[in-house]
């Protein structure tokens, strides 16, 4: 027997609507330092995870970096609601959630250079060839991400699907404004020190091949924790 879905939020609801963000941007939803005249001082580091699923990765990042802003986008209402309850219980004021299609949100709801990091962890690989066009990592999506990333910003992508990994490699490699931070390797099979999602732990237990990509806006640098 399935358990009924609980709709009440045990604390402040971290969910925001696309309409609200389109009208005001993301700044009003986060506690930015302000001057005596009420104007924001500087800008906090802002991180986006697309398709947060069960939410453990986003929660861990936010708990480790309370001085940064975190945004989670998920297309599923049920997953967004469950994650909202987790964020509220954890009392994380630095996390906001948006129920939306990632392709639309990244293109329309983020200013140029607004994001420091974008994480795409094990999204649906749509393994059948005839469904390849439904995969998230497509040229238009990657171009929108590149536009939203700041200087030294990084797009991280992970998949356990070999065909999808090949597509990701081709699409990311074709984006002229991004650079492979794992070069000369197209991807890494393991990144020491990287947190693991629940799905990643399942794939590792099943001995599935893992592919980790990191593409940045600035060439010639290597992300922390990717020593080879």
Protein backbone atom coordinates (compact mmCIF):
# COMPACT_ATOMS: atom_id res chain seq x y z
CA UNK A 1 0.00 0.00 0.00
CA UNK A 2 1.49 3.35 -1.03
CA UNK A 3 1.72 6.15 1.48
CA UNK A 4 -0.31 9.31 0.86
CA UNK A 5 1.59 12.37 -0.27
CA UNK A 6 2.00 14.99 2.46
CA UNK A 7 1.45 18.53 1.21
CA UNK A 8 2.18 20.56 4.34
CA UNK A 9 5.66 22.08 4.63
CA UNK A 10 7.24 21.85 8.15
CA UNK A 11 8.74 25.34 7.99
CA UNK A 12 9.37 27.96 5.34
CA UNK A 13 8.43 26.76 1.85
CA UNK A 14 11.53 27.01 -0.38
CA UNK A 15 9.55 26.69 -3.62
CA UNK A 16 9.27 29.64 -5.98
CA UNK A 17 7.30 30.03 -9.20
CA UNK A 18 8.67 30.72 -12.65
CA UNK A 19 6.38 33.75 -12.89
CA UNK A 20 7.86 35.25 -9.73
CA UNK A 21 11.43 34.67 -10.91
CA UNK A 22 10.67 36.11 -14.34
CA UNK A 23 9.37 39.29 -12.70
CA UNK A 24 12.06 39.86 -10.07
CA UNK A 25 15.05 37.63 -10.81
CA UNK A 26 16.56 35.38 -8.16
CA UNK A 27 18.09 37.99 -5.83
CA UNK A 28 14.94 38.77 -3.78
CA UNK A 29 14.63 35.11 -2.80
CA UNK A 30 18.03 35.00 -1.09
CA UNK A 31 19.33 36.92 1.93
CA UNK A 32 21.92 39.18 0.31
CA UNK A 33 23.94 41.54 2.54
CA UNK A 34 22.64 45.10 2.26
CA UNK A 35 24.03 48.60 2.85
CA UNK A 36 22.39 51.17 5.12
CA UNK A 37 20.37 52.40 2.13
CA UNK A 38 18.96 48.92 1.58
CA UNK A 39 20.91 48.14 -1.61
CA UNK A 40 22.54 44.70 -1.92
CA UNK A 41 26.29 44.46 -1.28
CA UNK A 42 28.21 42.33 -3.74
CA UNK A 43 26.90 38.99 -4.96
CA UNK A 44 26.98 35.54 -3.44
CA UNK A 45 28.15 32.47 -5.31
CA UNK A 46 25.12 30.86 -6.96
CA UNK A 47 24.87 27.14 -7.82
CA UNK A 48 22.19 25.32 -9.82
CA UNK A 49 21.36 21.62 -9.82
CA UNK A 50 19.08 20.41 -12.60
CA UNK A 51 17.02 17.30 -11.92
CA UNK A 52 17.80 16.96 -8.21
CA UNK A 53 15.74 13.76 -7.85
CA UNK A 54 15.81 12.63 -4.23
CA UNK A 55 17.71 15.79 -3.35
CA UNK A 56 20.63 14.41 -1.34
CA UNK A 57 23.27 16.06 -3.56
CA UNK A 58 21.68 19.50 -3.41
CA UNK A 59 21.14 19.25 0.35
CA UNK A 60 24.75 18.23 0.95
CA UNK A 61 26.12 21.08 -1.17
CA UNK A 62 23.93 23.64 0.60
CA UNK A 63 24.86 22.38 4.05
CA UNK A 64 28.57 22.53 3.21
CA UNK A 65 28.43 26.07 1.81
CA UNK A 66 25.91 28.18 3.78
CA UNK A 67 27.51 31.32 2.33
CA UNK A 68 26.37 30.36 -1.20
CA UNK A 69 22.96 30.31 -2.90
CA UNK A 70 21.58 27.03 -4.27
CA UNK A 71 18.78 26.54 -6.76
CA UNK A 72 17.22 23.19 -7.63
CA UNK A 73 15.11 22.65 -10.73
CA UNK A 74 12.94 19.55 -11.13
CA UNK A 75 10.17 18.81 -13.63
CA UNK A 76 8.30 16.53 -11.21
CA UNK A 77 5.76 18.14 -8.85
CA UNK A 78 5.98 15.19 -6.45
CA UNK A 79 9.77 15.30 -6.21
CA UNK A 80 9.77 19.07 -5.80
CA UNK A 81 7.22 18.84 -2.99
CA UNK A 82 9.17 16.10 -1.19
CA UNK A 83 12.38 18.09 -1.55
CA UNK A 84 10.65 21.21 -0.20
CA UNK A 85 9.80 19.28 2.95
CA UNK A 86 13.44 18.13 3.30
CA UNK A 87 14.80 21.66 2.83
CA UNK A 88 12.31 23.08 5.34
CA UNK A 89 13.14 20.42 7.95
CA UNK A 90 16.85 21.14 7.48
CA UNK A 91 16.24 24.87 7.91
CA UNK A 92 18.29 25.74 4.82
CA UNK A 93 17.52 29.34 3.90
CA UNK A 94 20.09 29.22 1.08
CA UNK A 95 18.07 26.76 -1.06
CA UNK A 96 15.23 27.59 -3.45
CA UNK A 97 13.33 25.11 -5.61
CA UNK A 98 11.63 25.54 -8.95
CA UNK A 99 9.27 23.10 -10.64
CA UNK A 100 9.92 23.63 -14.35
CA UNK A 101 11.39 22.25 -17.52
CA UNK A 102 15.13 22.85 -17.29
CA UNK A 103 15.50 23.76 -20.96
CA UNK A 104 13.03 26.63 -20.57
CA UNK A 105 14.22 27.80 -17.15
CA UNK A 106 17.93 27.99 -18.03
CA UNK A 107 17.16 30.01 -21.15
CA UNK A 108 14.64 32.43 -19.64
CA UNK A 109 15.19 32.75 -15.88
CA UNK A 110 18.92 33.39 -15.46
CA UNK A 111 20.98 36.47 -16.28
CA UNK A 112 24.23 36.18 -18.23
CA UNK A 113 27.06 35.26 -15.86
CA UNK A 114 24.73 34.62 -12.90
CA UNK A 115 25.78 31.06 -12.05
CA UNK A 116 29.07 29.73 -10.70
CA UNK A 117 28.22 26.06 -11.19
CA UNK A 118 25.58 23.99 -12.95
CA UNK A 119 25.20 20.32 -11.99
CA UNK A 120 23.39 17.71 -14.09
CA UNK A 121 23.61 14.38 -12.26
CA UNK A 122 22.32 11.23 -13.94
CA UNK A 123 19.30 12.66 -15.74
CA UNK A 124 17.07 10.31 -17.77
CA UNK A 125 19.31 8.88 -20.53
CA UNK A 126 16.40 7.95 -22.82
CA UNK A 127 18.45 4.91 -23.91
CA UNK A 128 16.57 4.09 -27.12
CA UNK A 129 18.08 5.75 -30.20
CA UNK A 130 14.71 7.09 -31.37
CA UNK A 131 14.36 8.98 -28.06
CA UNK A 132 17.80 10.63 -28.18
CA UNK A 133 16.23 14.00 -28.99
CA UNK A 134 14.54 13.96 -25.58
CA UNK A 135 17.82 13.91 -23.67
CA UNK A 136 18.59 17.08 -21.74
CA UNK A 137 22.11 17.66 -23.05
CA UNK A 138 21.44 19.24 -26.44
CA UNK A 139 23.26 22.12 -28.22
CA UNK A 140 20.66 24.79 -27.37
CA UNK A 141 20.59 23.78 -23.71
CA UNK A 142 24.39 23.81 -23.39
CA UNK A 143 24.60 27.20 -25.10
CA UNK A 144 22.08 28.60 -22.59
CA UNK A 145 24.08 27.15 -19.69
CA UNK A 146 27.29 28.65 -21.05
CA UNK A 147 25.59 32.05 -21.24
CA UNK A 148 24.41 31.78 -17.61
CA UNK A 149 27.83 30.80 -16.26
CA UNK A 150 30.17 33.43 -14.86
CA UNK A 151 33.90 33.66 -15.51
CA UNK A 152 35.49 30.47 -14.13
CA UNK A 153 32.03 28.89 -14.03
CA UNK A 154 31.69 25.14 -14.58
CA UNK A 155 29.07 22.78 -15.99
CA UNK A 156 29.27 19.32 -14.41
CA UNK A 157 27.47 16.40 -16.08
CA UNK A 158 27.32 12.75 -15.01
CA UNK A 159 25.76 9.71 -16.65
CA UNK A 160 25.92 5.93 -16.44
CA UNK A 161 24.64 5.41 -20.00
CA UNK A 162 27.30 4.81 -22.68
CA UNK A 163 25.27 6.11 -25.62
CA UNK A 164 24.27 9.22 -23.73
CA UNK A 165 27.89 9.75 -22.69
CA UNK A 166 28.89 9.78 -26.35
CA UNK A 167 26.22 12.36 -27.12
CA UNK A 168 27.28 14.49 -24.14
CA UNK A 169 30.90 14.37 -25.32
CA UNK A 170 29.94 15.52 -28.82
CA UNK A 171 27.58 18.28 -27.68
CA UNK A 172 29.86 19.71 -25.00
CA UNK A 173 32.88 19.54 -27.29
CA UNK A 174 31.03 21.53 -29.94
CA UNK A 175 30.23 24.46 -27.62
CA UNK A 176 32.97 26.97 -28.47
CA UNK A 177 32.54 29.05 -25.31
CA UNK A 178 33.24 26.10 -22.98
CA UNK A 179 36.46 24.19 -22.38
CA UNK A 180 36.99 20.61 -21.24
CA UNK A 181 38.54 20.83 -17.78
CA UNK A 182 39.44 17.14 -17.84
CA UNK A 183 41.35 17.36 -21.14
CA UNK A 184 43.01 15.48 -22.72
CA UNK A 185 40.47 12.94 -21.42
CA UNK A 186 36.89 13.49 -22.64
CA UNK A 187 35.59 12.52 -19.19
CA UNK A 188 36.68 10.77 -16.00
CA UNK A 189 35.38 7.42 -14.81
CA UNK A 190 35.83 8.54 -11.21
CA UNK A 191 36.43 11.88 -9.46
CA UNK A 192 38.15 11.49 -6.07
CA UNK A 193 36.36 13.40 -3.32
CA UNK A 194 33.16 13.83 -5.30
CA UNK A 195 29.92 13.30 -3.35
CA UNK A 196 27.79 10.42 -4.57
CA UNK A 197 24.08 10.59 -5.29
CA UNK A 198 21.80 7.74 -4.33
CA UNK A 199 21.47 6.76 -7.97
CA UNK A 200 25.25 6.80 -8.40
CA UNK A 201 25.62 4.40 -5.50
CA UNK A 202 23.13 2.07 -7.19
CA UNK A 203 24.98 2.24 -10.52
CA UNK A 204 28.31 1.57 -8.80
CA UNK A 205 26.87 -1.45 -7.01
CA UNK A 206 25.63 -2.72 -10.37
CA UNK A 207 29.10 -2.10 -11.86
CA UNK A 208 27.74 0.25 -14.50
CA UNK A 209 30.26 2.48 -16.34
CA UNK A 210 30.24 6.04 -15.00
CA UNK A 211 31.13 9.15 -16.99
CA UNK A 212 31.90 12.51 -15.35
CA UNK A 213 32.27 15.64 -17.50
CA UNK A 214 33.40 19.12 -16.46
CA UNK A 215 33.32 22.02 -18.91
CA UNK A 216 34.25 25.53 -17.82
CA UNK A 217 34.13 29.04 -19.19
CA UNK A 218 37.85 29.50 -18.57
CA UNK A 219 40.45 27.17 -20.14
CA UNK A 220 43.57 25.72 -18.54
CA UNK A 221 42.22 24.93 -15.05
CA UNK A 222 41.26 21.71 -13.30
CA UNK A 223 38.37 21.45 -10.80
CA UNK A 224 39.18 20.69 -7.18
CA UNK A 225 39.02 16.99 -6.41
CA UNK A 226 39.83 15.79 -9.95
CA UNK A 227 43.47 14.84 -9.49
CA UNK A 228 44.43 11.99 -11.79
